[in-house]
Amino acid sequence: MRRYLPVQISLALLLATLLACGGASRGATDNSPRREPGAVAVQPAVTQGPATGRSTPLPPPATFTPVPAPDTATPAPPVEPAEPPAPPAQPAATTPPQPTPTPKPAAFSVNTPVPTSPPVAENLPTDYDAGQAVRQYAGAALGIEVEVLAAGGREGQVTLPPSAQAEVDAAVRLAGVTYAALLREGAASVSLGAGSISGDLSADIQDASLGAFSLLRDGRLPANPDEALNLVRSTFPGVSHLTFTRQEASAGAGPLAGGGAQGYVFSAHTEQSEVDVKSGQAKVVAVGALAGVTPAGVNRVNVFVVLGKGALAGSIQ
């Protein structure tokens, strides 16, 4: 029994120590400050000395307050974007902006001058053969063949009434060139070109010409206008298709005149379709004519015609 006595004493001391520690712990708990919700108390470890019945007092527990988590229930208001700054005021444009030209390669070159006047052709012809011009006009415009005895500036004098002679003179002033010719049976003059000749005799006859021909015929003066007009048409077939109107005749003139006797004078103005001698296409050509019969001596008459074409047709009134 004595052998177990020290053990019982040790157990009693241990029990007393545990009771003492439990009361101290309850007092410390009652006297400790109130912890806020969410605070965590960290208790230090209890150290015990050797089994002598003594205990080491514990330090007060440390309190840690956790940082509250952000409230995600209510979203933060959106941040409004800042308004862009107002653009600077532009100065009033006085002229519209011009596009910047695209540069061309150095080898690219365009040089197209705008002509300010018709080109001047060099070495233009200034003359035709006078005899050839008279013969060709007689065949193309009047439908006859003539024998030219001499041709030039003053080789023949055409016998015409004064009114017809005035119109021939007007055409001479407008034409590029005028030729006179002495014929076996009369005289002729041919004016060509409107201010100048083109170098193409056939084209000038069609486009700008005026021919005056007077031919002597045996016989008395026709008794009436119809006989006189038939004589004109048979003498110059090239004008037989024209519609003539009789005009008042005046006294004859020139060396072949009939000493002042009256005659017959007719006029015609029209436009006719011809084949263009240059292009071969049909074209319209203006035509004006004076024709008639005047006395030329005993049993002789002078049958004449003045025919203008193209630009010179307006000389015939």
Protein backbone atom coordinates (compact mmCIF):
# COMPACT_ATOMS: atom_id res chain seq x y z
CA MET A 1 0.00 0.00 0.00
CA ARG A 2 2.84 2.40 0.67
CA ARG A 3 4.30 1.45 -2.61
CA TYR A 4 1.35 3.24 -4.47
CA LEU A 5 1.25 6.33 -2.23
CA PRO A 6 3.61 8.54 -4.31
CA VAL A 7 1.59 7.74 -7.38
CA GLN A 8 -1.63 8.84 -5.72
CA ILE A 9 -0.01 12.07 -4.59
CA SER A 10 1.17 12.83 -8.09
CA LEU A 11 -2.30 12.19 -9.49
CA ALA A 12 -3.84 14.47 -6.88
CA LEU A 13 -1.42 17.27 -7.78
CA LEU A 14 -2.07 16.79 -11.45
CA LEU A 15 -5.82 16.97 -10.88
CA ALA A 16 -5.45 20.13 -8.82
CA THR A 17 -3.35 21.71 -11.54
CA LEU A 18 -5.89 20.89 -14.21
CA LEU A 19 -8.71 22.35 -12.08
CA ALA A 20 -6.69 25.46 -11.48
CA CYS A 21 -5.97 25.87 -15.20
CA GLY A 22 -9.63 25.39 -16.10
CA GLY A 23 -10.74 28.13 -13.68
CA ALA A 24 -8.07 30.47 -14.97
CA SER A 25 -9.15 29.80 -18.52
CA ARG A 26 -12.77 30.52 -17.70
CA GLY A 27 -11.83 33.77 -15.95
CA ALA A 28 -9.69 34.84 -18.81
CA THR A 29 -12.50 34.07 -21.15
CA ASP A 30 -15.02 36.05 -19.17
CA ASN A 31 -12.65 39.01 -18.80
CA SER A 32 -11.44 39.11 -22.49
CA PRO A 33 -12.82 41.88 -24.65
CA ARG A 34 -15.68 41.11 -27.02
CA ARG A 35 -14.43 40.14 -30.48
CA GLU A 36 -16.00 41.70 -33.49
CA PRO A 37 -17.75 39.40 -35.86
CA GLY A 38 -15.32 37.88 -38.26
CA ALA A 39 -12.31 38.22 -35.83
CA VAL A 40 -10.16 35.17 -35.42
CA ALA A 41 -8.40 34.54 -32.09
CA VAL A 42 -5.17 32.72 -32.20
CA GLN A 43 -4.30 30.90 -28.94
CA PRO A 44 -0.65 30.40 -28.28
CA ALA A 45 0.44 26.95 -27.42
CA VAL A 46 0.43 26.05 -23.67
CA THR A 47 3.76 25.02 -22.39
CA GLN A 48 4.15 23.03 -19.28
CA GLY A 49 7.24 22.72 -17.18
CA PRO A 50 8.40 19.64 -15.51
CA ALA A 51 5.95 17.81 -13.43
CA THR A 52 6.39 20.06 -10.43
CA GLY A 53 2.77 21.21 -10.20
CA ARG A 54 3.56 24.69 -11.66
CA SER A 55 2.06 26.14 -14.82
CA THR A 56 3.27 28.89 -17.18
CA PRO A 57 0.69 31.68 -17.65
CA LEU A 58 -0.47 32.13 -21.30
CA PRO A 59 -0.35 35.56 -23.03
CA PRO A 60 -3.64 37.10 -24.11
CA PRO A 61 -4.81 35.89 -27.49
CA ALA A 62 -4.00 38.07 -30.54
CA THR A 63 -6.92 39.28 -32.55
CA PHE A 64 -6.74 39.70 -36.36
CA THR A 65 -9.47 41.63 -38.19
CA PRO A 66 -9.73 40.44 -41.82
CA VAL A 67 -10.11 43.04 -44.55
CA PRO A 68 -13.73 43.00 -45.67
CA ALA A 69 -14.18 41.59 -49.17
CA PRO A 70 -15.52 44.04 -51.80
CA ASP A 71 -19.27 43.99 -52.15
CA THR A 72 -19.93 42.47 -55.53
CA ALA A 73 -23.71 42.54 -55.20
CA THR A 74 -23.95 46.18 -56.31
CA PRO A 75 -21.97 46.86 -59.54
CA ALA A 76 -20.02 50.06 -59.73
CA PRO A 77 -21.63 52.71 -61.95
CA PRO A 78 -20.15 52.76 -65.48
CA VAL A 79 -17.62 55.40 -66.14
CA GLU A 80 -18.90 57.83 -68.74
CA PRO A 81 -16.37 58.38 -71.55
CA ALA A 82 -15.03 61.82 -71.75
CA GLU A 83 -16.51 63.93 -74.57
CA PRO A 84 -14.11 64.36 -77.49
CA PRO A 85 -12.74 67.82 -77.82
CA ALA A 86 -14.47 70.05 -80.33
CA PRO A 87 -12.62 70.21 -83.69
CA PRO A 88 -10.85 73.46 -84.36
CA ALA A 89 -12.76 75.93 -86.48
CA GLN A 90 -11.81 75.74 -90.13
CA PRO A 91 -11.20 79.01 -91.97
CA ALA A 92 -13.71 79.83 -94.68
CA ALA A 93 -12.48 78.50 -98.01
CA THR A 94 -12.27 81.17 -100.70
CA THR A 95 -11.53 78.82 -103.59
CA PRO A 96 -12.36 75.14 -103.99
CA PRO A 97 -9.39 72.86 -103.41
CA GLN A 98 -7.68 71.80 -106.59
CA PRO A 99 -6.86 68.12 -107.12
CA THR A 100 -3.22 67.29 -107.07
CA PRO A 101 -2.22 66.22 -110.59
CA THR A 102 -0.83 62.75 -110.92
CA PRO A 103 2.77 62.99 -112.04
CA LYS A 104 3.45 61.43 -115.42
CA PRO A 105 6.52 59.47 -116.34
CA ALA A 106 9.36 61.52 -117.67
CA ALA A 107 9.08 59.90 -121.10
CA PHE A 108 5.37 60.81 -121.47
CA SER A 109 4.76 63.85 -123.65
CA VAL A 110 1.60 65.33 -125.17
CA ASN A 111 1.81 68.33 -127.45
CA THR A 112 -1.45 69.08 -129.27
CA PRO A 113 -1.61 72.77 -130.10
CA VAL A 114 -5.04 74.21 -130.78
CA PRO A 115 -5.10 75.79 -134.23
CA THR A 116 -6.16 79.42 -134.10
CA SER A 117 -6.56 79.82 -137.86
CA PRO A 118 -6.76 77.55 -140.91
CA PRO A 119 -3.38 76.31 -142.00
CA VAL A 120 -1.83 78.25 -144.84
CA ALA A 121 -0.94 75.94 -147.69
CA GLU A 122 2.32 76.72 -149.35
CA ASN A 123 2.90 76.83 -153.09
CA LEU A 124 -0.77 77.27 -153.96
CA PRO A 125 -1.35 77.47 -157.74
CA THR A 126 -1.92 80.98 -158.96
CA ASP A 127 -2.97 80.23 -162.52
CA TYR A 128 -4.45 77.69 -164.92
CA ASP A 129 -3.88 77.42 -168.63
CA ALA A 130 -6.31 80.00 -170.01
CA GLY A 131 -7.32 78.08 -173.14
CA GLN A 132 -7.78 74.85 -171.17
CA ALA A 133 -9.91 76.62 -168.56
CA VAL A 134 -12.25 78.07 -171.22
CA ARG A 135 -12.63 74.80 -173.11
CA GLN A 136 -13.22 72.76 -169.95
CA TYR A 137 -15.80 75.22 -168.63
CA ALA A 138 -17.66 75.20 -171.97
CA GLY A 139 -17.90 71.43 -171.97
CA ALA A 140 -18.69 70.91 -168.22
CA ALA A 141 -21.14 73.79 -167.66
CA LEU A 142 -22.59 74.56 -171.11
CA GLY A 143 -22.38 71.22 -172.89
CA ILE A 144 -20.54 72.55 -175.96
CA GLU A 145 -17.15 72.37 -177.59
CA VAL A 146 -15.44 75.59 -178.56
CA GLU A 147 -12.37 76.37 -180.66
CA VAL A 148 -10.13 78.81 -178.82
CA LEU A 149 -8.17 81.07 -181.19
CA ALA A 150 -6.45 83.01 -178.40
CA ALA A 151 -6.77 83.17 -174.66
CA GLY A 152 -5.36 85.36 -171.94
CA GLY A 153 -6.18 88.55 -170.14
CA ARG A 154 -7.74 90.63 -172.97
CA GLU A 155 -7.99 88.31 -175.93
CA GLY A 156 -11.73 88.64 -176.54
CA GLN A 157 -14.66 90.88 -175.69
CA VAL A 158 -17.99 89.29 -174.92
CA THR A 159 -21.04 91.06 -176.29
CA LEU A 160 -23.60 91.37 -173.51
CA PRO A 161 -26.45 93.67 -172.52
CA PRO A 162 -25.35 96.28 -169.93
CA SER A 163 -27.18 94.53 -167.06
CA ALA A 164 -25.45 91.23 -167.81
CA GLN A 165 -22.08 92.93 -168.18
CA ALA A 166 -22.44 94.51 -164.74
CA GLU A 167 -22.98 91.12 -163.14
CA VAL A 168 -19.97 89.66 -164.94
CA ASP A 169 -17.87 92.53 -163.62
CA ALA A 170 -19.08 91.82 -160.08
CA ALA A 171 -18.08 88.15 -160.39
CA VAL A 172 -14.67 89.11 -161.73
CA ARG A 173 -14.03 91.12 -158.55
CA LEU A 174 -14.91 88.10 -156.37
CA ALA A 175 -13.11 85.40 -158.34
CA GLY A 176 -9.58 84.17 -157.91
CA VAL A 177 -8.72 84.45 -161.57
CA THR A 178 -10.47 85.43 -164.86
CA TYR A 179 -9.56 84.45 -168.41
CA ALA A 180 -10.76 85.93 -171.71
CA ALA A 181 -10.73 84.06 -174.97
CA LEU A 182 -11.33 84.77 -178.65
CA LEU A 183 -13.36 81.95 -180.18
CA ARG A 184 -13.86 81.05 -183.83
CA GLU A 185 -17.55 82.03 -183.57
CA GLY A 186 -17.47 84.56 -180.77
CA ALA A 187 -15.83 85.36 -177.42
CA ALA A 188 -15.83 84.14 -173.83
CA SER A 189 -14.63 84.90 -170.33
CA VAL A 190 -14.32 82.48 -167.42
CA SER A 191 -13.88 83.43 -163.76
CA LEU A 192 -12.78 80.72 -161.30
CA GLY A 193 -12.44 80.41 -157.54
CA ALA A 194 -13.83 82.31 -154.58
CA GLY A 195 -10.98 84.67 -153.82
CA SER A 196 -8.39 82.09 -154.89
CA ILE A 197 -8.23 78.96 -156.98
CA SER A 198 -7.87 75.50 -155.43
CA GLY A 199 -5.56 73.87 -157.96
CA ASP A 200 -8.34 71.50 -159.09
CA LEU A 201 -9.92 73.02 -162.22
CA SER A 202 -12.90 70.65 -162.24
CA ALA A 203 -13.65 71.39 -158.57
CA ASP A 204 -13.41 75.14 -159.10
CA ILE A 205 -15.82 74.97 -162.06
CA GLN A 206 -18.33 73.13 -159.87
CA ASP A 207 -17.84 75.07 -156.63
CA ALA A 208 -17.07 78.66 -157.74
CA SER A 209 -17.20 79.72 -161.37
CA LEU A 210 -18.87 82.13 -163.74
CA GLY A 211 -18.66 81.89 -167.53
CA ALA A 212 -19.89 84.42 -170.11
CA PHE A 213 -20.11 83.20 -173.73
CA SER A 214 -21.46 84.98 -176.80
CA LEU A 215 -21.71 83.10 -180.08
CA LEU A 216 -22.73 84.47 -183.53
CA ARG A 217 -25.49 82.77 -185.45
CA ASP A 218 -26.89 83.44 -188.92
CA GLY A 219 -30.51 84.47 -189.12
CA ARG A 220 -32.92 87.17 -188.15
CA LEU A 221 -33.91 88.12 -184.63
CA PRO A 222 -36.54 85.69 -183.31
CA ALA A 223 -40.11 86.92 -183.66
CA ASN A 224 -41.14 86.07 -180.09
CA PRO A 225 -39.69 85.08 -176.69
CA ASP A 226 -40.38 81.37 -177.18
CA GLU A 227 -38.34 81.29 -180.38
CA ALA A 228 -35.57 83.21 -178.68
CA LEU A 229 -35.50 80.84 -175.66
CA ASN A 230 -35.43 77.81 -177.96
CA LEU A 231 -32.43 79.29 -179.75
CA VAL A 232 -30.65 79.77 -176.41
CA ARG A 233 -31.32 76.18 -175.37
CA SER A 234 -30.14 74.73 -178.65
CA THR A 235 -26.97 76.83 -178.59
CA PHE A 236 -26.11 76.00 -174.98
CA PRO A 237 -27.54 72.56 -174.11
CA GLY A 238 -26.06 72.72 -170.62
CA VAL A 239 -28.74 75.24 -169.53
CA SER A 240 -31.69 73.73 -171.40
CA HIS A 241 -33.11 72.20 -168.18
CA LEU A 242 -33.33 75.56 -166.37
CA THR A 243 -36.63 77.36 -165.97
CA PHE A 244 -36.12 80.85 -167.40
CA THR A 245 -38.12 84.00 -166.82
CA ARG A 246 -38.11 86.81 -169.38
CA GLN A 247 -36.57 90.14 -168.38
CA GLU A 248 -36.68 93.56 -169.97
CA ALA A 249 -34.00 93.71 -172.66
CA SER A 250 -31.79 96.74 -173.26
CA ALA A 251 -29.86 97.92 -176.24
CA GLY A 252 -26.95 95.80 -177.38
CA ALA A 253 -23.34 96.81 -176.84
CA GLY A 254 -19.91 95.98 -178.16
CA PRO A 255 -18.61 95.38 -181.68
CA LEU A 256 -21.16 92.67 -182.38
CA ALA A 257 -24.14 94.68 -181.19
CA GLY A 258 -27.08 95.27 -183.47
CA GLY A 259 -27.03 99.05 -183.47
CA GLY A 260 -29.29 99.45 -180.44
CA ALA A 261 -32.01 97.03 -181.50
CA GLN A 262 -33.93 95.31 -178.75
CA GLY A 263 -33.49 91.63 -177.99
CA TYR A 264 -34.62 88.98 -175.50
CA VAL A 265 -33.15 88.37 -172.06
CA PHE A 266 -34.05 85.56 -169.64
CA SER A 267 -32.94 84.71 -166.09
CA ALA A 268 -33.02 81.59 -163.92
CA HIS A 269 -32.04 80.74 -160.37
CA THR A 270 -32.08 77.26 -158.88
CA GLU A 271 -30.21 74.56 -156.99
CA GLN A 272 -29.35 71.32 -158.67
CA SER A 273 -27.93 68.00 -157.53
CA GLU A 274 -24.56 67.03 -158.95
CA VAL A 275 -21.93 64.42 -158.29
CA ASP A 276 -19.09 65.95 -156.27
CA VAL A 277 -15.97 65.74 -158.41
CA LYS A 278 -13.86 65.28 -155.25
CA SER A 279 -15.78 62.73 -153.21
CA GLY A 280 -18.06 61.12 -155.79
CA GLN A 281 -21.05 61.79 -153.53
CA ALA A 282 -24.14 63.75 -154.51
CA LYS A 283 -24.13 67.43 -153.58
CA VAL A 284 -26.38 70.44 -154.14
CA VAL A 285 -24.96 73.28 -156.22
CA ALA A 286 -26.46 76.76 -156.55
CA VAL A 287 -26.95 77.98 -160.12
CA GLY A 288 -27.78 81.43 -161.53
CA ALA A 289 -28.05 82.29 -165.23
CA LEU A 290 -28.78 85.09 -167.66
CA ALA A 291 -29.30 84.19 -171.30
CA GLY A 292 -30.75 85.77 -174.39
CA VAL A 293 -30.56 86.81 -178.05
CA THR A 294 -29.60 90.24 -179.39
CA PRO A 295 -29.15 91.55 -182.98
CA ALA A 296 -25.60 91.38 -184.41
CA GLY A 297 -25.94 92.87 -187.91
CA VAL A 298 -27.78 91.97 -191.07
CA ASN A 299 -29.14 88.46 -190.69
CA ARG A 300 -26.87 87.87 -187.74
CA VAL A 301 -27.71 87.43 -184.05
CA ASN A 302 -25.68 87.13 -180.91
CA VAL A 303 -26.74 84.26 -178.60
CA PHE A 304 -25.25 84.69 -175.13
CA VAL A 305 -25.29 83.11 -171.70
CA VAL A 306 -23.83 84.08 -168.31
CA LEU A 307 -23.81 81.09 -165.97
CA GLY A 308 -22.65 81.21 -162.34
CA LYS A 309 -22.19 78.14 -160.15
CA GLY A 310 -21.50 77.60 -156.47
CA ALA A 311 -20.00 80.57 -154.66
CA LEU A 312 -20.27 82.84 -157.73
CA ALA A 313 -23.90 82.02 -158.54
CA GLY A 314 -25.01 84.90 -156.31
CA SER A 315 -23.50 87.39 -158.75
CA ILE A 316 -26.45 86.74 -161.03
CA GLN A 317 -29.41 88.89 -159.93
